[in-house]
Structure formats: structure tokens, C-alpha cells
């Protein structure tokens, strides 16, 4: 099942809830673009992506490419926390490293509470 997501704005925070499976790089890039466009549209500087119901399936190269793509597209002022399930942590941590090395302010978190604390 492809990536499905909802986006809502609460003050200066954009909340995204994603589920399904990231079947390919194009799908991940489109999801990332939609989140970035929503953040710009709402004028928020903080994003919390709950991806605890999303299955990561990209290979290492596509994971690298997606982090690079999002880092180049995202405004440098926003701060993003991404919550993922334990089985995705290895890929998520790699994605975070690639994105942070390219100037994105992003943190992979294990829980919503951890993500909210980091965004404060």
C-alpha cells in the first residue's frame, strides 16, 4: 500500500501522520514535497511527522537520494522531528545523518513525546 498521510496545523506546528509503505523513491519525494509545501503554506517553522505506521522499504541508495532531495527542497529555518517504529530505526538514522549533513534541522525520534520535547 502506498504512502497515505494527513496534515494538520496547530499554531506554529505542522502535524503529519503517515501510514502504508514507501514503495519507491518518487513516492517518498512526493510525500516530502507535500509536507514542505504545507509548512510553507501555513507559515510554520516546526514539523512533527508521525511515521510510526509507515513501513520503510527503500534500499540504501534511494534512502540517501530521498534525504538529499528533501534537504535541498526544505527551507533551512524549519525544525522537523520524525517518529518511526523500531524496525525502521536503522534506515531512519541513516536518513537523518544524510539530511543533517546537508543542513536540514531534523531528528529521528522513538516516541511522540520525544519529538515534541525536541521541537520545543
C-alpha atoms as a PDB file:
ATOM      1  CA  UNK A   1       0.000   0.000   0.000  1.00  0.00           C
ATOM      2  CA  UNK A   2       1.353   3.423  -0.968  1.00  0.00           C
ATOM      3  CA  UNK A   3       2.084   6.215   1.481  1.00  0.00           C
ATOM      4  CA  UNK A   4      -1.076   7.756   2.895  1.00  0.00           C
ATOM      5  CA  UNK A   5      -0.944  10.823   5.088  1.00  0.00           C
ATOM      6  CA  UNK A   6      -2.907  13.547   6.788  1.00  0.00           C
ATOM      7  CA  UNK A   7      -1.639  17.034   7.546  1.00  0.00           C
ATOM      8  CA  UNK A   8      -2.968  19.479  10.120  1.00  0.00           C
ATOM      9  CA  UNK A   9      -1.671  22.742  11.503  1.00  0.00           C
ATOM     10  CA  UNK A  10      -1.749  23.685  15.166  1.00  0.00           C
ATOM     11  CA  UNK A  11      -0.194  27.083  15.893  1.00  0.00           C
ATOM     12  CA  UNK A  12       3.424  27.015  14.711  1.00  0.00           C
ATOM     13  CA  UNK A  13       3.452  23.208  14.393  1.00  0.00           C
ATOM     14  CA  UNK A  14       2.549  21.112  11.372  1.00  0.00           C
ATOM     15  CA  UNK A  15       1.470  17.595  12.350  1.00  0.00           C
ATOM     16  CA  UNK A  16       1.739  14.843   9.757  1.00  0.00           C
ATOM     17  CA  UNK A  17       0.536  11.280  10.233  1.00  0.00           C
ATOM     18  CA  UNK A  18       1.723   8.796   7.622  1.00  0.00           C
ATOM     19  CA  UNK A  19       0.930   5.144   7.085  1.00  0.00           C
ATOM     20  CA  UNK A  20       1.291   2.470   4.432  1.00  0.00           C
ATOM     21  CA  UNK A  21       4.552   1.664   2.679  1.00  0.00           C
ATOM     22  CA  UNK A  22       7.102   3.770   0.808  1.00  0.00           C
ATOM     23  CA  UNK A  23       7.159   1.710  -2.358  1.00  0.00           C
ATOM     24  CA  UNK A  24       9.602   3.844  -4.355  1.00  0.00           C
ATOM     25  CA  UNK A  25      11.745   6.979  -4.371  1.00  0.00           C
ATOM     26  CA  UNK A  26       9.278   9.068  -6.390  1.00  0.00           C
ATOM     27  CA  UNK A  27       6.538   8.364  -3.850  1.00  0.00           C
ATOM     28  CA  UNK A  28       8.785   9.401  -0.940  1.00  0.00           C
ATOM     29  CA  UNK A  29       9.820  12.586  -2.742  1.00  0.00           C
ATOM     30  CA  UNK A  30       6.173  13.475  -3.472  1.00  0.00           C
ATOM     31  CA  UNK A  31       5.264  12.903   0.191  1.00  0.00           C
ATOM     32  CA  UNK A  32       8.189  15.095   1.279  1.00  0.00           C
ATOM     33  CA  UNK A  33       7.209  17.847  -1.176  1.00  0.00           C
ATOM     34  CA  UNK A  34       3.624  17.820   0.107  1.00  0.00           C
ATOM     35  CA  UNK A  35       4.800  18.231   3.707  1.00  0.00           C
ATOM     36  CA  UNK A  36       7.194  21.048   2.788  1.00  0.00           C
ATOM     37  CA  UNK A  37       4.556  22.840   0.709  1.00  0.00           C
ATOM     38  CA  UNK A  38       2.066  22.585   3.597  1.00  0.00           C
ATOM     39  CA  UNK A  39       4.624  24.004   6.052  1.00  0.00           C
ATOM     40  CA  UNK A  40       5.292  26.932   3.719  1.00  0.00           C
ATOM     41  CA  UNK A  41       1.578  27.467   3.078  1.00  0.00           C
ATOM     42  CA  UNK A  42       0.751  27.546   6.806  1.00  0.00           C
ATOM     43  CA  UNK A  43       3.865  29.576   7.623  1.00  0.00           C
ATOM     44  CA  UNK A  44       5.060  27.169  10.312  1.00  0.00           C
ATOM     45  CA  UNK A  45       8.648  26.560  11.352  1.00  0.00           C
ATOM     46  CA  UNK A  46       8.203  23.204  13.119  1.00  0.00           C
ATOM     47  CA  UNK A  47       7.060  19.862  11.699  1.00  0.00           C
ATOM     48  CA  UNK A  48       6.240  16.640  13.523  1.00  0.00           C
ATOM     49  CA  UNK A  49       5.913  13.619  11.233  1.00  0.00           C
ATOM     50  CA  UNK A  50       4.429  10.545  12.888  1.00  0.00           C
ATOM     51  CA  UNK A  51       5.641   7.745  10.641  1.00  0.00           C
ATOM     52  CA  UNK A  52       5.153   5.017  13.246  1.00  0.00           C
ATOM     53  CA  UNK A  53       2.598   3.344  10.947  1.00  0.00           C
ATOM     54  CA  UNK A  54       4.724   3.730   7.796  1.00  0.00           C
ATOM     55  CA  UNK A  55       6.807   0.827   6.530  1.00  0.00           C
ATOM     56  CA  UNK A  56      10.158   1.875   5.084  1.00  0.00           C
ATOM     57  CA  UNK A  57      11.192  -0.238   2.111  1.00  0.00           C
ATOM     58  CA  UNK A  58      13.664   1.873   0.109  1.00  0.00           C
ATOM     59  CA  UNK A  59      17.145   0.476  -0.427  1.00  0.00           C
ATOM     60  CA  UNK A  60      20.177   2.359   0.884  1.00  0.00           C
ATOM     61  CA  UNK A  61      20.794   4.307  -2.327  1.00  0.00           C
ATOM     62  CA  UNK A  62      17.189   5.530  -2.572  1.00  0.00           C
ATOM     63  CA  UNK A  63      17.175   6.381   1.143  1.00  0.00           C
ATOM     64  CA  UNK A  64      20.272   8.520   0.539  1.00  0.00           C
ATOM     65  CA  UNK A  65      18.687  10.149  -2.524  1.00  0.00           C
ATOM     66  CA  UNK A  66      15.456  10.941  -0.667  1.00  0.00           C
ATOM     67  CA  UNK A  67      17.338  12.598   2.207  1.00  0.00           C
ATOM     68  CA  UNK A  68      19.416  14.597  -0.264  1.00  0.00           C
ATOM     69  CA  UNK A  69      16.307  15.657  -2.225  1.00  0.00           C
ATOM     70  CA  UNK A  70      14.351  16.749   0.868  1.00  0.00           C
ATOM     71  CA  UNK A  71      17.367  18.607   2.268  1.00  0.00           C
ATOM     72  CA  UNK A  72      17.714  20.609  -0.934  1.00  0.00           C
ATOM     73  CA  UNK A  73      13.987  21.383  -1.102  1.00  0.00           C
ATOM     74  CA  UNK A  74      13.213  22.169   2.532  1.00  0.00           C
ATOM     75  CA  UNK A  75      13.564  25.644   3.982  1.00  0.00           C
ATOM     76  CA  UNK A  76      16.557  25.817   6.289  1.00  0.00           C
ATOM     77  CA  UNK A  77      14.548  27.564   9.024  1.00  0.00           C
ATOM     78  CA  UNK A  78      12.210  24.704   9.851  1.00  0.00           C
ATOM     79  CA  UNK A  79      12.842  22.106  12.504  1.00  0.00           C
ATOM     80  CA  UNK A  80      11.475  18.625  11.851  1.00  0.00           C
ATOM     81  CA  UNK A  81      11.009  15.642  14.147  1.00  0.00           C
ATOM     82  CA  UNK A  82      10.168  12.266  12.619  1.00  0.00           C
ATOM     83  CA  UNK A  83       8.802   9.428  14.739  1.00  0.00           C
ATOM     84  CA  UNK A  84       9.305   5.933  13.350  1.00  0.00           C
ATOM     85  CA  UNK A  85       8.830   2.397  14.562  1.00  0.00           C
ATOM     86  CA  UNK A  86      11.734   0.390  15.920  1.00  0.00           C
ATOM     87  CA  UNK A  87      12.064  -1.800  12.823  1.00  0.00           C
ATOM     88  CA  UNK A  88      12.774   1.323  10.729  1.00  0.00           C
ATOM     89  CA  UNK A  89      15.372   2.913  13.034  1.00  0.00           C
ATOM     90  CA  UNK A  90      18.461   1.824  11.107  1.00  0.00           C
ATOM     91  CA  UNK A  91      17.198   3.321   7.836  1.00  0.00           C
ATOM     92  CA  UNK A  92      15.786   6.376   9.620  1.00  0.00           C
ATOM     93  CA  UNK A  93      19.054   7.093  11.428  1.00  0.00           C
ATOM     94  CA  UNK A  94      20.944   6.854   8.124  1.00  0.00           C
ATOM     95  CA  UNK A  95      18.412   9.228   6.503  1.00  0.00           C
ATOM     96  CA  UNK A  96      18.851  11.671   9.410  1.00  0.00           C
ATOM     97  CA  UNK A  97      22.646  11.635   9.055  1.00  0.00           C
ATOM     98  CA  UNK A  98      22.462  12.371   5.327  1.00  0.00           C
ATOM     99  CA  UNK A  99      19.908  15.171   5.840  1.00  0.00           C
ATOM    100  CA  UNK A 100      21.718  16.799   8.779  1.00  0.00           C
ATOM    101  CA  UNK A 101      24.996  16.718   6.864  1.00  0.00           C
ATOM    102  CA  UNK A 102      23.229  18.766   4.180  1.00  0.00           C
ATOM    103  CA  UNK A 103      21.951  21.405   6.610  1.00  0.00           C
ATOM    104  CA  UNK A 104      18.476  20.137   7.498  1.00  0.00           C
ATOM    105  CA  UNK A 105      17.423  20.503  11.122  1.00  0.00           C
ATOM    106  CA  UNK A 106      15.849  17.069  11.619  1.00  0.00           C
ATOM    107  CA  UNK A 107      15.757  14.457  14.373  1.00  0.00           C
ATOM    108  CA  UNK A 108      14.564  10.863  14.299  1.00  0.00           C
ATOM    109  CA  UNK A 109      12.615  10.083  17.462  1.00  0.00           C
ATOM    110  CA  UNK A 110      11.246   6.936  19.016  1.00  0.00           C
ATOM    111  CA  UNK A 111       8.098   8.492  20.546  1.00  0.00           C
ATOM    112  CA  UNK A 112       5.758  11.438  20.002  1.00  0.00           C
ATOM    113  CA  UNK A 113       6.716  12.806  23.440  1.00  0.00           C
ATOM    114  CA  UNK A 114      10.429  12.738  22.500  1.00  0.00           C
ATOM    115  CA  UNK A 115       9.628  14.531  19.222  1.00  0.00           C
ATOM    116  CA  UNK A 116       7.546  17.204  20.944  1.00  0.00           C
ATOM    117  CA  UNK A 117      10.296  17.814  23.521  1.00  0.00           C
ATOM    118  CA  UNK A 118      12.935  18.180  20.796  1.00  0.00           C
ATOM    119  CA  UNK A 119      10.783  20.648  18.872  1.00  0.00           C
ATOM    120  CA  UNK A 120      10.381  22.942  21.917  1.00  0.00           C
END
